[in-house]
PDB file of N, CA and C in Angstrom:
ATOM      1  N   MET A   1       3.491   8.326 -33.821  1.00  0.00           N
ATOM      2  CA  MET A   1       2.282   8.262 -33.117  1.00  0.00           C
ATOM      3  C   MET A   1       2.441   7.571 -31.882  1.00  0.00           C
ATOM      4  N   GLU A   2       3.237   6.678 -31.734  1.00  0.00           N
ATOM      5  CA  GLU A   2       3.339   5.777 -30.500  1.00  0.00           C
ATOM      6  C   GLU A   2       3.803   6.724 -29.302  1.00  0.00           C
ATOM      7  N   VAL A   3       4.722   7.764 -29.771  1.00  0.00           N
ATOM      8  CA  VAL A   3       5.207   8.724 -28.666  1.00  0.00           C
ATOM      9  C   VAL A   3       4.105   9.501 -28.209  1.00  0.00           C
ATOM     10  N   GLY A   4       3.037   9.906 -29.150  1.00  0.00           N
ATOM     11  CA  GLY A   4       2.081  10.679 -28.582  1.00  0.00           C
ATOM     12  C   GLY A   4       1.172  10.107 -27.662  1.00  0.00           C
ATOM     13  N   LYS A   5       0.934   8.739 -28.147  1.00  0.00           N
ATOM     14  CA  LYS A   5      -0.025   7.923 -27.157  1.00  0.00           C
ATOM     15  C   LYS A   5       0.732   7.883 -25.710  1.00  0.00           C
ATOM     16  N   ALA A   6       1.877   7.333 -25.743  1.00  0.00           N
ATOM     17  CA  ALA A   6       2.644   7.319 -24.550  1.00  0.00           C
ATOM     18  C   ALA A   6       2.643   8.607 -23.627  1.00  0.00           C
ATOM     19  N   LEU A   7       2.728   9.830 -24.369  1.00  0.00           N
ATOM     20  CA  LEU A   7       2.750  10.998 -23.721  1.00  0.00           C
ATOM     21  C   LEU A   7       1.319  11.309 -23.038  1.00  0.00           C
ATOM     22  N   LEU A   8       0.221  10.872 -23.841  1.00  0.00           N
ATOM     23  CA  LEU A   8      -1.008  11.219 -23.485  1.00  0.00           C
ATOM     24  C   LEU A   8      -1.353  10.368 -21.914  1.00  0.00           C
ATOM     25  N   PHE A   9      -0.964   9.003 -22.219  1.00  0.00           N
ATOM     26  CA  PHE A   9      -0.990   7.895 -20.982  1.00  0.00           C
ATOM     27  C   PHE A   9      -0.309   8.605 -19.759  1.00  0.00           C
ATOM     28  N   LEU A  10       0.888   9.115 -19.975  1.00  0.00           N
ATOM     29  CA  LEU A  10       1.791   9.776 -18.838  1.00  0.00           C
ATOM     30  C   LEU A  10       1.074  10.939 -18.526  1.00  0.00           C
ATOM     31  N   GLY A  11       0.555  11.649 -19.208  1.00  0.00           N
ATOM     32  CA  GLY A  11      -0.475  12.924 -18.754  1.00  0.00           C
ATOM     33  C   GLY A  11      -1.537  12.563 -17.982  1.00  0.00           C
ATOM     34  N   VAL A  12      -2.317  11.518 -18.376  1.00  0.00           N
ATOM     35  CA  VAL A  12      -3.566  11.234 -17.665  1.00  0.00           C
ATOM     36  C   VAL A  12      -3.097  10.624 -16.361  1.00  0.00           C
ATOM     37  N   LEU A  13      -2.204   9.686 -16.365  1.00  0.00           N
ATOM     38  CA  LEU A  13      -1.655   9.139 -15.229  1.00  0.00           C
ATOM     39  C   LEU A  13      -1.092  10.272 -14.112  1.00  0.00           C
ATOM     40  N   LEU A  14      -0.256  11.239 -14.579  1.00  0.00           N
ATOM     41  CA  LEU A  14      -0.077  12.197 -13.677  1.00  0.00           C
ATOM     42  C   LEU A  14      -1.233  13.036 -13.190  1.00  0.00           C
ATOM     43  N   VAL A  15      -2.385  13.466 -13.885  1.00  0.00           N
ATOM     44  CA  VAL A  15      -3.399  14.118 -13.376  1.00  0.00           C
ATOM     45  C   VAL A  15      -4.207  13.207 -12.477  1.00  0.00           C
ATOM     46  N   LEU A  16      -4.212  11.909 -12.632  1.00  0.00           N
ATOM     47  CA  LEU A  16      -4.907  10.866 -11.685  1.00  0.00           C
ATOM     48  C   LEU A  16      -4.132  10.770 -10.400  1.00  0.00           C
ATOM     49  N   LEU A  17      -2.864  10.796 -10.472  1.00  0.00           N
ATOM     50  CA  LEU A  17      -1.901  10.982  -9.340  1.00  0.00           C
ATOM     51  C   LEU A  17      -2.252  12.457  -8.468  1.00  0.00           C
ATOM     52  N   GLY A  18      -2.162  13.372  -9.395  1.00  0.00           N
ATOM     53  CA  GLY A  18      -2.279  14.599  -8.562  1.00  0.00           C
ATOM     54  C   GLY A  18      -3.610  14.650  -8.011  1.00  0.00           C
ATOM     55  N   LEU A  19      -4.715  14.323  -8.667  1.00  0.00           N
ATOM     56  CA  LEU A  19      -6.035  14.325  -7.730  1.00  0.00           C
ATOM     57  C   LEU A  19      -6.130  13.398  -6.519  1.00  0.00           C
ATOM     58  N   VAL A  20      -5.418  12.417  -6.762  1.00  0.00           N
ATOM     59  CA  VAL A  20      -5.210  11.423  -5.568  1.00  0.00           C
ATOM     60  C   VAL A  20      -4.396  12.100  -4.200  1.00  0.00           C
ATOM     61  N   LEU A  21      -3.453  12.865  -4.685  1.00  0.00           N
ATOM     62  CA  LEU A  21      -2.610  13.487  -3.708  1.00  0.00           C
ATOM     63  C   LEU A  21      -3.476  14.540  -3.100  1.00  0.00           C
ATOM     64  N   LEU A  22      -4.294  15.422  -3.957  1.00  0.00           N
ATOM     65  CA  LEU A  22      -4.942  16.701  -3.643  1.00  0.00           C
ATOM     66  C   LEU A  22      -6.162  16.118  -2.586  1.00  0.00           C
ATOM     67  N   TYR A  23      -6.793  15.319  -2.651  1.00  0.00           N
ATOM     68  CA  TYR A  23      -8.137  14.739  -2.176  1.00  0.00           C
ATOM     69  C   TYR A  23      -7.856  13.818  -1.139  1.00  0.00           C
ATOM     70  N   PHE A  24      -6.702  13.079  -1.164  1.00  0.00           N
ATOM     71  CA  PHE A  24      -6.419  11.799  -0.056  1.00  0.00           C
ATOM     72  C   PHE A  24      -5.026  11.992   0.313  1.00  0.00           C
ATOM     73  N   PRO A  25      -4.575  13.037   1.027  1.00  0.00           N
ATOM     74  CA  PRO A  25      -3.193  13.432   1.094  1.00  0.00           C
ATOM     75  C   PRO A  25      -2.609  12.200   2.214  1.00  0.00           C
ATOM     76  N   LYS A  26      -3.561  11.666   3.062  1.00  0.00           N
ATOM     77  CA  LYS A  26      -2.791  10.752   4.261  1.00  0.00           C
ATOM     78  C   LYS A  26      -2.689   9.482   3.496  1.00  0.00           C
ATOM     79  N   LEU A  27      -2.982   9.220   2.082  1.00  0.00           N
ATOM     80  CA  LEU A  27      -2.647   7.899   1.365  1.00  0.00           C
ATOM     81  C   LEU A  27      -1.214   7.905   1.124  1.00  0.00           C
ATOM     82  N   PHE A  28      -0.622   8.880   1.207  1.00  0.00           N
ATOM     83  CA  PHE A  28       0.996   8.790   0.828  1.00  0.00           C
ATOM     84  C   PHE A  28       1.846   9.389   2.019  1.00  0.00           C
ATOM     85  N   SER A  29       1.353   9.598   3.169  1.00  0.00           N
ATOM     86  CA  SER A  29       1.707  10.328   4.492  1.00  0.00           C
ATOM     87  C   SER A  29       2.904   9.512   4.943  1.00  0.00           C
ATOM     88  N   TRP A  30       2.862   7.921   4.594  1.00  0.00           N
ATOM     89  CA  TRP A  30       4.089   7.325   4.798  1.00  0.00           C
ATOM     90  C   TRP A  30       5.425   7.611   3.918  1.00  0.00           C
ATOM     91  N   PHE A  31       5.271   8.101   3.096  1.00  0.00           N
ATOM     92  CA  PHE A  31       6.580   8.207   2.178  1.00  0.00           C
ATOM     93  C   PHE A  31       7.586   9.348   2.984  1.00  0.00           C
ATOM     94  N   GLY A  32       8.626   8.720   3.034  1.00  0.00           N
ATOM     95  CA  GLY A  32       9.575   9.653   3.931  1.00  0.00           C
ATOM     96  C   GLY A  32       9.611   9.334   5.420  1.00  0.00           C
ATOM     97  N   HIS A  33       8.826   8.372   5.997  1.00  0.00           N
ATOM     98  CA  HIS A  33       8.607   8.094   7.195  1.00  0.00           C
ATOM     99  C   HIS A  33       8.966   6.741   7.608  1.00  0.00           C
ATOM    100  N   LEU A  34       9.594   5.873   6.814  1.00  0.00           N
ATOM    101  CA  LEU A  34       9.815   4.367   6.865  1.00  0.00           C
ATOM    102  C   LEU A  34      11.042   4.377   7.602  1.00  0.00           C
ATOM    103  N   PRO A  35      11.171   3.360   8.104  1.00  0.00           N
ATOM    104  CA  PRO A  35      12.478   2.902   8.701  1.00  0.00           C
ATOM    105  C   PRO A  35      13.572   2.776   7.698  1.00  0.00           C
ATOM    106  N   GLY A  36      14.647   3.450   7.777  1.00  0.00           N
ATOM    107  CA  GLY A  36      15.758   3.450   6.949  1.00  0.00           C
ATOM    108  C   GLY A  36      15.848   4.885   6.319  1.00  0.00           C
ATOM    109  N   ASP A  37      14.756   5.701   6.430  1.00  0.00           N
ATOM    110  CA  ASP A  37      14.794   6.959   5.853  1.00  0.00           C
ATOM    111  C   ASP A  37      15.445   7.835   6.791  1.00  0.00           C
ATOM    112  N   ILE A  38      16.449   8.535   6.534  1.00  0.00           N
ATOM    113  CA  ILE A  38      17.124   9.418   7.292  1.00  0.00           C
ATOM    114  C   ILE A  38      16.416  10.844   7.432  1.00  0.00           C
ATOM    115  N   ARG A  39      16.078  11.059   8.686  1.00  0.00           N
ATOM    116  CA  ARG A  39      15.730  12.522   8.985  1.00  0.00           C
ATOM    117  C   ARG A  39      16.566  13.281   9.837  1.00  0.00           C
ATOM    118  N   ILE A  40      17.082  14.353   9.844  1.00  0.00           N
ATOM    119  CA  ILE A  40      17.746  15.140  10.701  1.00  0.00           C
ATOM    120  C   ILE A  40      17.212  16.552  10.811  1.00  0.00           C
ATOM    121  N   GLU A  41      16.857  16.820  11.886  1.00  0.00           N
ATOM    122  CA  GLU A  41      15.930  17.949  12.409  1.00  0.00           C
ATOM    123  C   GLU A  41      17.006  18.549  13.494  1.00  0.00           C
ATOM    124  N   ARG A  42      17.335  19.721  13.242  1.00  0.00           N
ATOM    125  CA  ARG A  42      18.108  20.618  14.182  1.00  0.00           C
ATOM    126  C   ARG A  42      17.523  22.184  13.913  1.00  0.00           C
ATOM    127  N   GLU A  43      17.904  22.789  14.917  1.00  0.00           N
ATOM    128  CA  GLU A  43      17.564  24.161  14.862  1.00  0.00           C
ATOM    129  C   GLU A  43      18.291  24.914  13.553  1.00  0.00           C
ATOM    130  N   GLY A  44      17.544  25.353  12.467  1.00  0.00           N
ATOM    131  CA  GLY A  44      17.980  26.136  11.351  1.00  0.00           C
ATOM    132  C   GLY A  44      18.495  25.010  10.376  1.00  0.00           C
ATOM    133  N   LEU A  45      18.204  23.708  10.607  1.00  0.00           N
ATOM    134  CA  LEU A  45      18.495  22.731   9.665  1.00  0.00           C
ATOM    135  C   LEU A  45      17.667  21.505   9.535  1.00  0.00           C
ATOM    136  N   ARG A  46      17.215  21.115   8.414  1.00  0.00           N
ATOM    137  CA  ARG A  46      16.334  19.975   8.138  1.00  0.00           C
ATOM    138  C   ARG A  46      16.888  19.446   7.110  1.00  0.00           C
ATOM    139  N   VAL A  47      17.199  18.130   7.140  1.00  0.00           N
ATOM    140  CA  VAL A  47      17.696  16.985   6.092  1.00  0.00           C
ATOM    141  C   VAL A  47      16.695  15.948   6.065  1.00  0.00           C
ATOM    142  N   TYR A  48      16.396  15.499   4.773  1.00  0.00           N
ATOM    143  CA  TYR A  48      15.569  14.400   4.531  1.00  0.00           C
ATOM    144  C   TYR A  48      16.026  13.469   3.558  1.00  0.00           C
ATOM    145  N   VAL A  49      16.568  12.352   3.836  1.00  0.00           N
ATOM    146  CA  VAL A  49      16.986  11.294   2.623  1.00  0.00           C
ATOM    147  C   VAL A  49      16.202  10.203   2.895  1.00  0.00           C
ATOM    148  N   PRO A  50      15.062  10.188   1.992  1.00  0.00           N
ATOM    149  CA  PRO A  50      14.346   8.864   2.143  1.00  0.00           C
ATOM    150  C   PRO A  50      14.797   7.912   1.298  1.00  0.00           C
ATOM    151  N   ILE A  51      15.686   7.130   1.818  1.00  0.00           N
ATOM    152  CA  ILE A  51      16.262   6.069   1.085  1.00  0.00           C
ATOM    153  C   ILE A  51      15.313   4.820   1.173  1.00  0.00           C
ATOM    154  N   THR A  52      14.939   4.493   1.748  1.00  0.00           N
ATOM    155  CA  THR A  52      13.842   3.113   1.964  1.00  0.00           C
ATOM    156  C   THR A  52      12.636   3.589   0.975  1.00  0.00           C
ATOM    157  N   SER A  53      12.048   4.770   1.053  1.00  0.00           N
ATOM    158  CA  SER A  53      10.920   5.027   0.533  1.00  0.00           C
ATOM    159  C   SER A  53      11.364   5.186  -1.074  1.00  0.00           C
ATOM    160  N   ALA A  54      12.487   5.759  -1.384  1.00  0.00           N
ATOM    161  CA  ALA A  54      12.961   5.706  -2.931  1.00  0.00           C
ATOM    162  C   ALA A  54      13.061   4.318  -3.445  1.00  0.00           C
ATOM    163  N   LEU A  55      13.659   3.528  -2.613  1.00  0.00           N
ATOM    164  CA  LEU A  55      13.764   1.899  -3.086  1.00  0.00           C
ATOM    165  C   LEU A  55      12.204   1.426  -3.387  1.00  0.00           C
ATOM    166  N   ILE A  56      11.461   1.569  -2.431  1.00  0.00           N
ATOM    167  CA  ILE A  56      10.057   1.154  -2.530  1.00  0.00           C
ATOM    168  C   ILE A  56       9.587   1.764  -4.093  1.00  0.00           C
ATOM    169  N   PHE A  57       9.614   3.103  -4.096  1.00  0.00           N
ATOM    170  CA  PHE A  57       9.060   3.834  -5.422  1.00  0.00           C
ATOM    171  C   PHE A  57       9.664   3.306  -6.666  1.00  0.00           C
ATOM    172  N   SER A  58      11.028   2.906  -6.642  1.00  0.00           N
ATOM    173  CA  SER A  58      11.831   2.500  -7.724  1.00  0.00           C
ATOM    174  C   SER A  58      11.430   1.207  -8.057  1.00  0.00           C
ATOM    175  N   LEU A  59      11.158   0.297  -6.842  1.00  0.00           N
ATOM    176  CA  LEU A  59      10.757  -1.069  -7.375  1.00  0.00           C
ATOM    177  C   LEU A  59       9.042  -1.047  -8.003  1.00  0.00           C
ATOM    178  N   PHE A  60       8.312  -0.154  -7.593  1.00  0.00           N
ATOM    179  CA  PHE A  60       6.989   0.022  -7.821  1.00  0.00           C
ATOM    180  C   PHE A  60       6.967   0.389  -9.462  1.00  0.00           C
ATOM    181  N   LEU A  61       7.787   1.524  -9.576  1.00  0.00           N
ATOM    182  CA  LEU A  61       7.717   1.819 -11.131  1.00  0.00           C
ATOM    183  C   LEU A  61       8.566   0.900 -12.059  1.00  0.00           C
ATOM    184  N   THR A  62       9.607   0.113 -11.496  1.00  0.00           N
ATOM    185  CA  THR A  62      10.090  -1.108 -12.292  1.00  0.00           C
ATOM    186  C   THR A  62       9.033  -2.116 -12.602  1.00  0.00           C
ATOM    187  N   LEU A  63       8.266  -2.475 -11.488  1.00  0.00           N
ATOM    188  CA  LEU A  63       7.145  -3.501 -11.772  1.00  0.00           C
ATOM    189  C   LEU A  63       6.336  -2.932 -12.810  1.00  0.00           C
ATOM    190  N   LEU A  64       5.853  -1.779 -12.643  1.00  0.00           N
ATOM    191  CA  LEU A  64       4.652  -1.047 -13.661  1.00  0.00           C
ATOM    192  C   LEU A  64       5.342  -1.008 -14.944  1.00  0.00           C
ATOM    193  N   TRP A  65       6.393  -0.698 -15.121  1.00  0.00           N
ATOM    194  CA  TRP A  65       7.182  -0.646 -16.520  1.00  0.00           C
ATOM    195  C   TRP A  65       7.133  -1.910 -17.038  1.00  0.00           C
ATOM    196  N   ASN A  66       7.715  -3.120 -16.486  1.00  0.00           N
ATOM    197  CA  ASN A  66       7.858  -4.464 -16.953  1.00  0.00           C
ATOM    198  C   ASN A  66       6.290  -4.819 -17.408  1.00  0.00           C
ATOM    199  N   LEU A  67       5.222  -4.510 -16.412  1.00  0.00           N
ATOM    200  CA  LEU A  67       3.782  -4.818 -16.774  1.00  0.00           C
ATOM    201  C   LEU A  67       3.279  -4.409 -17.883  1.00  0.00           C
ATOM    202  N   LEU A  68       3.886  -2.958 -18.322  1.00  0.00           N
ATOM    203  CA  LEU A  68       3.128  -2.231 -19.505  1.00  0.00           C
ATOM    204  C   LEU A  68       4.036  -2.976 -20.556  1.00  0.00           C
ATOM    205  N   GLY A  69       5.279  -3.244 -20.439  1.00  0.00           N
ATOM    206  CA  GLY A  69       6.021  -4.007 -21.510  1.00  0.00           C
ATOM    207  C   GLY A  69       5.510  -5.227 -22.013  1.00  0.00           C
ATOM    208  N   LEU A  70       4.977  -6.182 -21.137  1.00  0.00           N
ATOM    209  CA  LEU A  70       4.190  -7.368 -21.232  1.00  0.00           C
ATOM    210  C   LEU A  70       2.819  -7.171 -21.846  1.00  0.00           C
ATOM    211  N   LEU A  71       2.221  -6.014 -21.428  1.00  0.00           N
ATOM    212  CA  LEU A  71       0.941  -5.934 -22.224  1.00  0.00           C
ATOM    213  C   LEU A  71       1.022  -5.243 -23.589  1.00  0.00           C
ATOM    214  N   ARG A  72       1.978  -4.850 -23.760  1.00  0.00           N
ATOM    215  CA  ARG A  72       2.286  -4.346 -25.289  1.00  0.00           C
ATOM    216  C   ARG A  72       2.581  -5.449 -26.395  1.00  0.00           C
ATOM    217  N   ARG A  73       3.231  -6.564 -25.722  1.00  0.00           N
ATOM    218  CA  ARG A  73       3.367  -7.649 -26.954  1.00  0.00           C
ATOM    219  C   ARG A  73       2.115  -8.365 -27.242  1.00  0.00           C
TER     220      ARG A  73
END
């Protein structure tokens, strides 16, 4: 039953994130454009390596995961 609740929570979270991205696209326009993100654009070639953005996203998910773990206790 716990897995079902977790999947339901994850689904609701994804729907909310999708709605935010759909109706407020400029809210996350910084993603991929931070200092430390590598962008190479040449004729016939585009390479994006969002290193800094990925680190910030990972930090946010880690904090969220730990917060949820604390709330479950």
